[in-house]
């Protein structure tokens, strides 16, 4: 999930990010891949995505690989791009974030596997404004073709996850 911070923490985070980027520009390549390649492109990314349109529905699942884009996910290029564009899609939310108490729906999702060479495990929902924002940013991962969001549950539409019972 995207970590949202407020106040001085934002300034500190921006300063830290600028320092890291500056240091990275000075050093040579010590890892796999070519200098300047995103971390997701340098290291392995293989994920299992599970989506439940509602509490009573069966979970659907896809595999998603991002080096190169593939797996059983119906739109791996778009899903991988959404994950890369999210600054840290698997980070736990900050306890300091303030979220609107807006319910976005019963959908839940989980992602487990390896992202940029690191083991990841994260749960997602639409239970408040912060979770909805994260869900919307990662929607290509969870609901290509919007099948999971609409709760069709048919599993035969393009973009529907396969049912896992």
Protein backbone atom coordinates (compact mmCIF):
# COMPACT_ATOMS: atom_id res chain seq x y z
CA UNK A 1 0.00 0.00 0.00
CA UNK A 2 1.08 3.56 -0.52
CA UNK A 3 2.29 5.20 2.66
CA UNK A 4 0.87 8.66 3.10
CA UNK A 5 2.51 11.00 5.57
CA UNK A 6 1.66 14.48 6.78
CA UNK A 7 3.45 17.50 8.19
CA UNK A 8 7.20 17.41 8.79
CA UNK A 9 7.39 13.77 7.85
CA UNK A 10 6.64 14.69 4.24
CA UNK A 11 9.51 17.18 4.13
CA UNK A 12 11.83 14.66 5.77
CA UNK A 13 10.74 11.97 3.33
CA UNK A 14 11.30 14.25 0.33
CA UNK A 15 14.75 15.24 1.62
CA UNK A 16 15.65 11.61 2.23
CA UNK A 17 14.41 10.59 -1.22
CA UNK A 18 16.45 13.39 -2.83
CA UNK A 19 19.57 12.26 -0.96
CA UNK A 20 19.06 8.64 -2.01
CA UNK A 21 18.52 9.62 -5.64
CA UNK A 22 21.60 11.84 -5.54
CA UNK A 23 23.76 9.07 -4.09
CA UNK A 24 22.39 6.55 -6.57
CA UNK A 25 23.35 8.83 -9.45
CA UNK A 26 26.94 8.97 -8.17
CA UNK A 27 27.51 5.25 -7.73
CA UNK A 28 28.11 2.56 -10.30
CA UNK A 29 25.94 -0.45 -10.99
CA UNK A 30 26.56 -3.19 -8.43
CA UNK A 31 23.44 -5.27 -9.02
CA UNK A 32 21.84 -7.06 -11.93
CA UNK A 33 20.49 -5.19 -14.91
CA UNK A 34 21.72 -2.03 -16.56
CA UNK A 35 22.36 1.29 -14.77
CA UNK A 36 19.21 3.37 -14.73
CA UNK A 37 16.80 0.43 -15.00
CA UNK A 38 13.96 0.41 -12.44
CA UNK A 39 14.43 -2.04 -9.57
CA UNK A 40 11.37 -4.03 -10.73
CA UNK A 41 13.10 -4.57 -14.07
CA UNK A 42 16.36 -5.69 -12.46
CA UNK A 43 15.01 -8.26 -10.01
CA UNK A 44 12.40 -10.98 -10.21
CA UNK A 45 8.72 -10.19 -9.78
CA UNK A 46 6.32 -13.11 -9.54
CA UNK A 47 3.04 -12.55 -7.71
CA UNK A 48 -0.13 -14.45 -6.82
CA UNK A 49 -3.12 -12.08 -6.85
CA UNK A 50 -6.37 -13.13 -5.13
CA UNK A 51 -9.56 -11.07 -5.39
CA UNK A 52 -12.93 -11.48 -3.65
CA UNK A 53 -15.72 -9.33 -5.13
CA UNK A 54 -17.76 -9.82 -1.92
CA UNK A 55 -17.53 -11.75 1.35
CA UNK A 56 -19.83 -14.51 0.02
CA UNK A 57 -18.14 -14.83 -3.38
CA UNK A 58 -15.42 -17.31 -4.22
CA UNK A 59 -11.95 -15.84 -4.49
CA UNK A 60 -10.49 -15.54 -7.95
CA UNK A 61 -6.78 -15.61 -8.61
CA UNK A 62 -4.12 -14.84 -11.17
CA UNK A 63 -0.41 -15.22 -11.38
CA UNK A 64 1.46 -12.15 -12.50
CA UNK A 65 5.07 -11.94 -13.60
CA UNK A 66 6.71 -8.68 -14.54
CA UNK A 67 10.05 -9.80 -16.00
CA UNK A 68 8.77 -10.06 -18.71
CA UNK A 69 5.07 -9.31 -18.14
CA UNK A 70 3.07 -12.54 -18.18
CA UNK A 71 1.34 -15.17 -16.10
CA UNK A 72 -2.38 -15.94 -16.09
CA UNK A 73 -3.31 -12.28 -15.49
CA UNK A 74 -5.30 -11.06 -18.53
CA UNK A 75 -3.46 -7.70 -18.75
CA UNK A 76 0.02 -8.23 -17.32
CA UNK A 77 1.63 -5.17 -18.95
CA UNK A 78 -0.95 -2.81 -17.46
CA UNK A 79 -0.87 -4.54 -14.07
CA UNK A 80 2.94 -4.43 -13.89
CA UNK A 81 2.91 -0.75 -14.87
CA UNK A 82 0.41 0.04 -12.08
CA UNK A 83 2.61 -1.73 -9.53
CA UNK A 84 5.73 0.08 -10.79
CA UNK A 85 3.95 3.45 -10.72
CA UNK A 86 2.83 2.96 -7.12
CA UNK A 87 5.76 4.16 -5.02
CA UNK A 88 5.68 1.25 -2.56
CA UNK A 89 2.53 -0.78 -3.21
CA UNK A 90 3.21 -3.31 -0.44
CA UNK A 91 4.14 -0.94 2.41
CA UNK A 92 1.92 -0.94 5.47
CA UNK A 93 -0.05 2.29 5.86
CA UNK A 94 1.36 4.85 8.26
CA UNK A 95 -0.36 4.91 11.63
CA UNK A 96 -0.29 8.72 11.32
CA UNK A 97 -2.39 8.88 8.18
CA UNK A 98 -5.89 10.22 8.47
CA UNK A 99 -8.45 8.50 6.27
CA UNK A 100 -11.99 9.51 5.41
CA UNK A 101 -14.56 7.03 6.66
CA UNK A 102 -16.05 6.32 3.26
CA UNK A 103 -16.98 2.74 2.44
CA UNK A 104 -15.99 1.86 -1.11
CA UNK A 105 -17.40 -1.64 -1.33
CA UNK A 106 -16.92 -5.20 -0.12
CA UNK A 107 -14.05 -6.10 -2.46
CA UNK A 108 -10.86 -7.48 -0.94
CA UNK A 109 -7.59 -8.61 -2.47
CA UNK A 110 -4.28 -10.05 -1.43
CA UNK A 111 -0.94 -10.21 -3.18
CA UNK A 112 1.86 -12.56 -2.22
CA UNK A 113 5.12 -13.43 -3.89
CA UNK A 114 8.28 -11.67 -4.94
CA UNK A 115 8.52 -8.05 -6.09
CA UNK A 116 11.85 -6.53 -7.11
CA UNK A 117 13.62 -9.50 -5.57
CA UNK A 118 11.91 -9.10 -2.17
CA UNK A 119 9.26 -11.30 -0.58
CA UNK A 120 5.93 -9.44 -0.28
CA UNK A 121 2.54 -10.12 1.27
CA UNK A 122 -0.19 -7.48 1.42
CA UNK A 123 -3.96 -7.26 1.86
CA UNK A 124 -6.13 -4.61 0.23
CA UNK A 125 -9.75 -3.48 0.69
CA UNK A 126 -12.05 -0.55 0.04
CA UNK A 127 -13.00 0.09 3.69
CA UNK A 128 -11.96 3.77 3.87
CA UNK A 129 -10.69 6.65 1.76
CA UNK A 130 -7.02 5.67 2.04
CA UNK A 131 -7.72 2.06 1.07
CA UNK A 132 -9.92 3.20 -1.82
CA UNK A 133 -7.12 5.43 -3.13
CA UNK A 134 -4.68 2.52 -3.04
CA UNK A 135 -7.22 0.16 -4.63
CA UNK A 136 -7.90 2.64 -7.42
CA UNK A 137 -4.16 3.03 -8.12
CA UNK A 138 -3.77 -0.76 -8.31
CA UNK A 139 -7.10 -1.47 -10.02
CA UNK A 140 -5.40 -2.87 -13.15
CA UNK A 141 -3.91 -5.54 -10.88
CA UNK A 142 -7.18 -6.37 -9.10
CA UNK A 143 -9.87 -5.85 -11.71
CA UNK A 144 -8.77 -5.81 -15.33
CA UNK A 145 -11.97 -5.29 -17.26
CA UNK A 146 -13.66 -4.31 -13.96
CA UNK A 147 -15.00 -7.88 -13.54
CA UNK A 148 -13.89 -8.21 -9.92
CA UNK A 149 -15.19 -4.76 -8.96
CA UNK A 150 -18.64 -5.35 -10.39
CA UNK A 151 -18.85 -8.69 -8.62
CA UNK A 152 -20.01 -10.57 -11.71
CA UNK A 153 -18.57 -13.79 -10.30
CA UNK A 154 -19.03 -15.52 -13.66
CA UNK A 155 -15.34 -16.20 -14.16
CA UNK A 156 -15.83 -16.48 -17.91
CA UNK A 157 -15.53 -12.85 -18.93
CA UNK A 158 -12.20 -11.62 -20.22
CA UNK A 159 -10.49 -10.15 -17.18
CA UNK A 160 -12.30 -12.27 -14.61
CA UNK A 161 -10.14 -14.16 -12.16
CA UNK A 162 -10.29 -17.93 -12.21
CA UNK A 163 -12.33 -19.26 -9.31
CA UNK A 164 -10.39 -20.91 -6.51
CA UNK A 165 -13.39 -21.98 -4.48
